[in-house]
C-alpha cells in the first residue's frame, strides 16, 4: 500500500505529458483555410508539398502550422492621388483577391502572413497613382471610371501575379474631386447639354421647313400640269360628252352646247 502512490505518480506525470503532446500535435483547419507546415528540425517551411487542407491533422509537437484564409477576400483602400494637371483626387477602391493555394508555402516563406499590407495594398496604391495621373478631373468625373478601374486592375495584376497572389477584381467605389472643380465641370456639362438640345431643335425646325416647302412645290407642280391640260378643245369635248348623255333622257329638252366653226349655235333636241 505504501508503494502504490509512488508508482501512480510517474503514471500520472506520463499521462499529463502525453495529453499535452496530443493537444499540441492536433491541428484543426476550418473550411476556406489551408495550413503551411513548419518543420523545426528539418528544413523549416514546407514548400515542395501541398498545404494542409481542411479537417483534423496530427503533426509532431515540435513543428508548427500557420493557417491562411484561401477563399476570396476583399480589402478596401482610400487614396489621395493626383490628376494629369496636378489636382488632388480622392479615390476609394477595393480589391477582390486570394492567395494562390499551390504557392502558399512560398507566400509564407517570402512574404509572411502580413502579405496584404506588405504587397497587395502598396501595389494598388502605386497602380492607382500611375493610372489616375493620365487623366484630367473632367475625364475622371464623367466617362473614364470604368477605364481607370480596368487599368488599375491590369497594372496591379502584373505585379502581384509574381508574388503568389491571385487578383480577381479591382472596384473603384468613388472618385471625389475638389468642390470648385466639380461645380465647374457640372456647369460645363450643363452648357454642353443645352447646346446639344438647341442644335437638335434647329435641325428639327429645318427639316420641318423643308418638308413644307416640298409639299407646296408638289401642289404647285400638280396645278400647273392640270391647267396646261385643260385647253379649249378638251373643254368642248367634255361639254359634248355631257350633252349627249343628257340627250338620251326621255324628257324633252333643248341644250345649247356652244357655237361651231360657223359661229351658229349647236342645238340638240328630243321630243
Protein backbone atom coordinates (compact mmCIF):
# COMPACT_ATOMS: atom_id res chain seq x y z
CA UNK A 1 0.00 0.00 0.00
CA UNK A 2 2.90 2.34 0.74
CA UNK A 3 4.34 1.79 -2.77
CA UNK A 4 1.11 2.48 -4.69
CA UNK A 5 1.36 6.27 -4.60
CA UNK A 6 4.99 6.11 -5.71
CA UNK A 7 4.00 4.00 -8.76
CA UNK A 8 0.95 6.13 -9.58
CA UNK A 9 2.79 9.45 -9.59
CA UNK A 10 5.02 8.66 -12.62
CA UNK A 11 1.99 7.30 -14.47
CA UNK A 12 0.08 10.47 -13.82
CA UNK A 13 3.02 12.53 -15.00
CA UNK A 14 3.36 10.46 -18.16
CA UNK A 15 -0.37 10.80 -18.82
CA UNK A 16 -0.20 14.56 -18.45
CA UNK A 17 2.79 14.77 -20.78
CA UNK A 18 1.06 12.61 -23.40
CA UNK A 19 -2.09 14.70 -23.16
CA UNK A 20 -0.11 17.90 -23.68
CA UNK A 21 1.73 16.37 -26.63
CA UNK A 22 -1.51 15.22 -28.24
CA UNK A 23 -3.06 18.65 -27.76
CA UNK A 24 -0.03 20.35 -29.27
CA UNK A 25 0.07 17.84 -32.12
CA UNK A 26 -3.61 18.15 -33.09
CA UNK A 27 -4.44 20.83 -35.67
CA UNK A 28 -7.93 21.55 -36.99
CA UNK A 29 -8.21 23.57 -40.22
CA UNK A 30 -11.60 25.15 -40.88
CA UNK A 31 -13.38 25.46 -44.22
CA UNK A 32 -11.87 28.01 -46.56
CA UNK A 33 -8.48 27.70 -44.90
CA UNK A 34 -5.21 25.91 -45.58
CA UNK A 35 -2.14 25.26 -43.41
CA UNK A 36 1.56 25.79 -44.04
CA UNK A 37 3.70 23.28 -42.16
CA UNK A 38 6.90 24.46 -40.50
CA UNK A 39 9.33 21.68 -39.57
CA UNK A 40 11.56 22.90 -36.78
CA UNK A 41 14.32 20.30 -37.19
CA UNK A 42 14.11 19.51 -40.91
CA UNK A 43 14.17 22.44 -43.28
CA UNK A 44 11.67 24.95 -41.94
CA UNK A 45 8.74 25.91 -44.16
CA UNK A 46 7.50 23.09 -46.41
CA UNK A 47 7.28 24.50 -49.94
CA UNK A 48 7.56 21.34 -52.05
CA UNK A 49 4.33 19.77 -50.79
CA UNK A 50 0.68 20.92 -50.98
CA UNK A 51 -0.53 22.84 -47.93
CA UNK A 52 -2.61 21.07 -45.32
CA UNK A 53 -6.29 21.01 -46.27
CA UNK A 54 -9.45 21.33 -44.23
CA UNK A 55 -10.02 18.95 -41.34
CA UNK A 56 -8.12 17.37 -38.45
CA UNK A 57 -4.34 16.80 -38.66
CA UNK A 58 -1.70 15.35 -36.36
CA UNK A 59 1.76 16.88 -36.59
CA UNK A 60 4.87 16.47 -34.49
CA UNK A 61 4.60 18.66 -31.40
CA UNK A 62 7.85 20.46 -32.20
CA UNK A 63 6.52 21.53 -35.63
CA UNK A 64 4.13 24.42 -36.33
CA UNK A 65 1.22 25.00 -38.70
CA UNK A 66 0.44 28.52 -40.00
CA UNK A 67 -3.16 28.82 -41.12
CA UNK A 68 -4.18 31.06 -44.06
CA UNK A 69 -7.55 32.13 -45.47
CA UNK A 70 -7.66 30.83 -49.04
CA UNK A 71 -11.17 31.97 -50.00
CA UNK A 72 -11.74 35.17 -51.95
CA UNK A 73 -11.25 38.18 -49.71
CA UNK A 74 -11.87 41.90 -50.09
CA UNK A 75 -9.68 44.76 -48.95
CA UNK A 76 -10.65 48.45 -49.03
CA UNK A 77 -8.32 51.34 -49.65
CA UNK A 78 -8.81 55.13 -49.57
CA UNK A 79 -6.20 57.03 -51.55
CA UNK A 80 -5.27 60.58 -52.46
CA UNK A 81 -3.80 60.76 -55.96
CA UNK A 82 -3.02 63.49 -58.49
CA UNK A 83 -4.71 64.01 -61.85
CA UNK A 84 -2.82 64.84 -65.04
CA UNK A 85 -2.98 68.58 -64.24
CA UNK A 86 -1.83 68.16 -60.64
CA UNK A 87 -5.17 68.37 -58.82
CA UNK A 88 -5.69 66.15 -55.78
CA UNK A 89 -8.29 63.42 -56.28
CA UNK A 90 -9.70 61.17 -53.55
CA UNK A 91 -10.17 57.61 -54.72
CA UNK A 92 -12.00 54.84 -52.86
CA UNK A 93 -11.30 51.36 -54.21
CA UNK A 94 -11.50 47.74 -53.16
CA UNK A 95 -9.78 44.58 -54.38
CA UNK A 96 -11.03 41.00 -54.55
CA UNK A 97 -8.15 38.58 -54.13
CA UNK A 98 -6.99 35.25 -52.73
CA UNK A 99 -3.60 33.66 -52.12
CA UNK A 100 -2.54 31.07 -54.67
CA UNK A 101 -3.09 27.84 -52.78
CA UNK A 102 -0.38 25.85 -54.57
CA UNK A 103 2.21 28.50 -53.61
CA UNK A 104 1.04 29.06 -50.05
CA UNK A 105 4.33 27.80 -48.60
CA UNK A 106 6.30 30.20 -50.80
CA UNK A 107 3.98 33.05 -49.84
CA UNK A 108 4.53 32.36 -46.14
CA UNK A 109 8.27 31.94 -46.55
CA UNK A 110 8.87 35.06 -48.66
CA UNK A 111 6.05 37.48 -47.71
CA UNK A 112 4.63 36.20 -44.45
CA UNK A 113 1.12 36.39 -43.04
CA UNK A 114 1.13 40.20 -43.49
CA UNK A 115 1.32 39.88 -47.27
CA UNK A 116 -1.77 42.08 -47.74
CA UNK A 117 -0.11 45.08 -46.09
CA UNK A 118 3.34 44.29 -47.44
CA UNK A 119 2.50 43.53 -51.07
CA UNK A 120 -1.11 43.97 -52.17
CA UNK A 121 -2.04 47.39 -50.80
CA UNK A 122 1.22 49.15 -51.79
CA UNK A 123 0.83 47.75 -55.31
CA UNK A 124 -2.75 49.00 -55.59
CA UNK A 125 -1.70 52.47 -54.42
CA UNK A 126 1.15 52.63 -56.92
CA UNK A 127 -1.05 51.49 -59.81
CA UNK A 128 -3.80 53.96 -58.87
CA UNK A 129 -1.36 56.89 -58.82
CA UNK A 130 0.06 55.88 -62.16
CA UNK A 131 -3.32 55.43 -63.86
CA UNK A 132 -5.14 58.47 -62.44
CA UNK A 133 -2.18 60.65 -63.38
CA UNK A 134 -3.03 60.06 -67.05
CA UNK A 135 -6.49 61.64 -66.87
CA UNK A 136 -7.99 65.06 -66.26
CA UNK A 137 -10.54 65.63 -63.45
CA UNK A 138 -13.26 66.02 -66.08
CA UNK A 139 -12.49 62.61 -67.56
CA UNK A 140 -12.46 61.01 -64.12
CA UNK A 141 -15.79 62.64 -63.24
CA UNK A 142 -17.69 61.78 -66.39
CA UNK A 143 -16.71 58.87 -68.58
CA UNK A 144 -13.42 57.28 -67.56
CA UNK A 145 -14.22 55.49 -64.29
CA UNK A 146 -14.55 52.08 -65.96
CA UNK A 147 -11.34 52.71 -67.88
CA UNK A 148 -9.26 53.60 -64.81
CA UNK A 149 -10.75 50.64 -62.94
CA UNK A 150 -9.62 48.26 -65.70
CA UNK A 151 -6.17 49.87 -65.95
CA UNK A 152 -5.55 49.74 -62.19
CA UNK A 153 -6.54 46.07 -62.25
CA UNK A 154 -4.15 45.25 -65.10
CA UNK A 155 -1.19 47.10 -63.57
CA UNK A 156 -1.76 45.58 -60.12
CA UNK A 157 -2.23 42.07 -61.51
CA UNK A 158 1.06 42.19 -63.43
CA UNK A 159 2.93 42.70 -60.15
CA UNK A 160 1.05 40.53 -57.66
CA UNK A 161 0.87 37.53 -60.00
CA UNK A 162 4.56 37.01 -59.33
CA UNK A 163 4.02 37.47 -55.59
CA UNK A 164 1.78 34.36 -55.18
CA UNK A 165 -1.44 36.45 -55.02
CA UNK A 166 -4.38 35.93 -57.36
CA UNK A 167 -6.13 39.25 -58.08
CA UNK A 168 -9.76 38.74 -59.16
CA UNK A 169 -11.09 42.29 -59.48
CA UNK A 170 -10.46 45.95 -58.71
CA UNK A 171 -13.54 48.07 -58.00
CA UNK A 172 -13.44 51.87 -57.97
CA UNK A 173 -16.10 52.75 -55.41
CA UNK A 174 -15.91 56.54 -55.52
CA UNK A 175 -13.99 59.39 -57.12
CA UNK A 176 -14.12 62.68 -55.19
CA UNK A 177 -12.98 65.90 -56.85
CA UNK A 178 -12.31 69.28 -55.19
CA UNK A 179 -15.62 71.15 -54.74
CA UNK A 180 -14.79 74.04 -57.06
CA UNK A 181 -13.62 71.70 -59.82
CA UNK A 182 -16.74 69.56 -59.53
CA UNK A 183 -19.02 72.61 -59.78
CA UNK A 184 -17.14 73.92 -62.82
CA UNK A 185 -17.41 70.55 -64.56
CA UNK A 186 -21.14 70.31 -63.81
CA UNK A 187 -21.72 73.81 -65.24
CA UNK A 188 -19.78 72.92 -68.38
CA UNK A 189 -21.68 69.66 -68.83
CA UNK A 190 -24.98 71.52 -68.39
CA UNK A 191 -24.00 74.08 -71.02
CA UNK A 192 -22.98 71.33 -73.42
CA UNK A 193 -26.31 69.60 -72.89
CA UNK A 194 -28.23 72.82 -73.54
CA UNK A 195 -26.19 73.42 -76.69
CA UNK A 196 -26.98 69.93 -77.95
CA UNK A 197 -30.69 70.46 -77.29
CA UNK A 198 -30.63 73.80 -79.17
CA UNK A 199 -28.87 72.21 -82.15
CA UNK A 200 -31.46 69.44 -82.14
CA UNK A 201 -34.29 71.97 -82.23
CA UNK A 202 -32.63 73.80 -85.12
CA UNK A 203 -32.23 70.60 -87.12
CA UNK A 204 -35.85 69.61 -86.42
CA UNK A 205 -37.16 73.05 -87.48
CA UNK A 206 -35.07 72.96 -90.66
CA UNK A 207 -36.37 69.53 -91.60
CA UNK A 208 -39.96 70.65 -90.97
CA UNK A 209 -39.47 73.72 -93.17
CA UNK A 210 -38.01 71.56 -95.94
CA UNK A 211 -41.00 69.23 -95.68
CA UNK A 212 -43.49 72.12 -96.03
CA UNK A 213 -41.56 73.53 -99.00
CA UNK A 214 -41.54 70.18 -100.78
CA UNK A 215 -45.27 69.70 -100.24
CA UNK A 216 -46.06 73.21 -101.53
CA UNK A 217 -43.85 72.71 -104.57
CA UNK A 218 -45.61 69.41 -105.31
CA UNK A 219 -49.03 71.02 -105.18
CA UNK A 220 -47.91 73.88 -107.43
CA UNK A 221 -46.48 71.47 -110.00
CA UNK A 222 -49.71 69.43 -109.99
CA UNK A 223 -51.87 72.51 -110.54
CA UNK A 224 -49.63 73.72 -113.36
CA UNK A 225 -49.84 70.38 -115.16
CA UNK A 226 -53.61 70.27 -114.73
CA UNK A 227 -54.06 73.83 -116.05
CA UNK A 228 -51.91 73.11 -119.08
CA UNK A 229 -54.01 70.08 -119.98
CA UNK A 230 -57.40 71.91 -119.80
CA UNK A 231 -57.39 73.76 -123.22
CA UNK A 232 -60.47 74.87 -125.16
CA UNK A 233 -60.71 71.72 -127.32
CA UNK A 234 -60.72 69.45 -124.25
CA UNK A 235 -63.34 71.57 -122.54
CA UNK A 236 -65.61 71.48 -125.65
CA UNK A 237 -65.23 67.71 -125.97
CA UNK A 238 -66.15 67.30 -122.34
CA UNK A 239 -69.20 69.51 -122.91
CA UNK A 240 -70.34 67.47 -125.94
CA UNK A 241 -70.00 64.23 -124.00
CA UNK A 242 -72.12 65.63 -121.22
CA UNK A 243 -74.73 66.91 -123.70
CA UNK A 244 -75.03 63.54 -125.41
CA UNK A 245 -75.65 61.90 -122.10
CA UNK A 246 -78.38 64.40 -121.32
CA UNK A 247 -79.94 63.93 -124.80
CA UNK A 248 -80.55 60.28 -124.06
CA UNK A 249 -83.02 61.31 -121.39
CA UNK A 250 -86.75 60.68 -122.31
CA UNK A 251 -87.70 64.18 -121.25
CA UNK A 252 -87.97 66.92 -123.90
CA UNK A 253 -85.21 69.43 -123.73
CA UNK A 254 -83.16 71.88 -125.73
CA UNK A 255 -79.48 72.04 -124.92
CA UNK A 256 -77.18 74.73 -126.28
CA UNK A 257 -73.64 73.45 -126.21
CA UNK A 258 -71.92 76.32 -127.87
CA UNK A 259 -71.08 77.58 -131.38
CA UNK A 260 -69.35 75.60 -134.08
CA UNK A 261 -66.80 76.87 -136.53
CA UNK A 262 -69.57 78.63 -138.47
CA UNK A 263 -70.49 80.66 -135.42
CA UNK A 264 -74.05 79.22 -135.32
CA UNK A 265 -75.38 77.64 -132.12
CA UNK A 266 -75.33 73.86 -131.93
CA UNK A 267 -78.83 72.72 -130.82
CA UNK A 268 -79.81 69.23 -129.91
CA UNK A 269 -83.43 68.35 -129.22
CA UNK A 270 -85.61 65.41 -128.27
CA UNK A 271 -89.46 65.41 -128.06
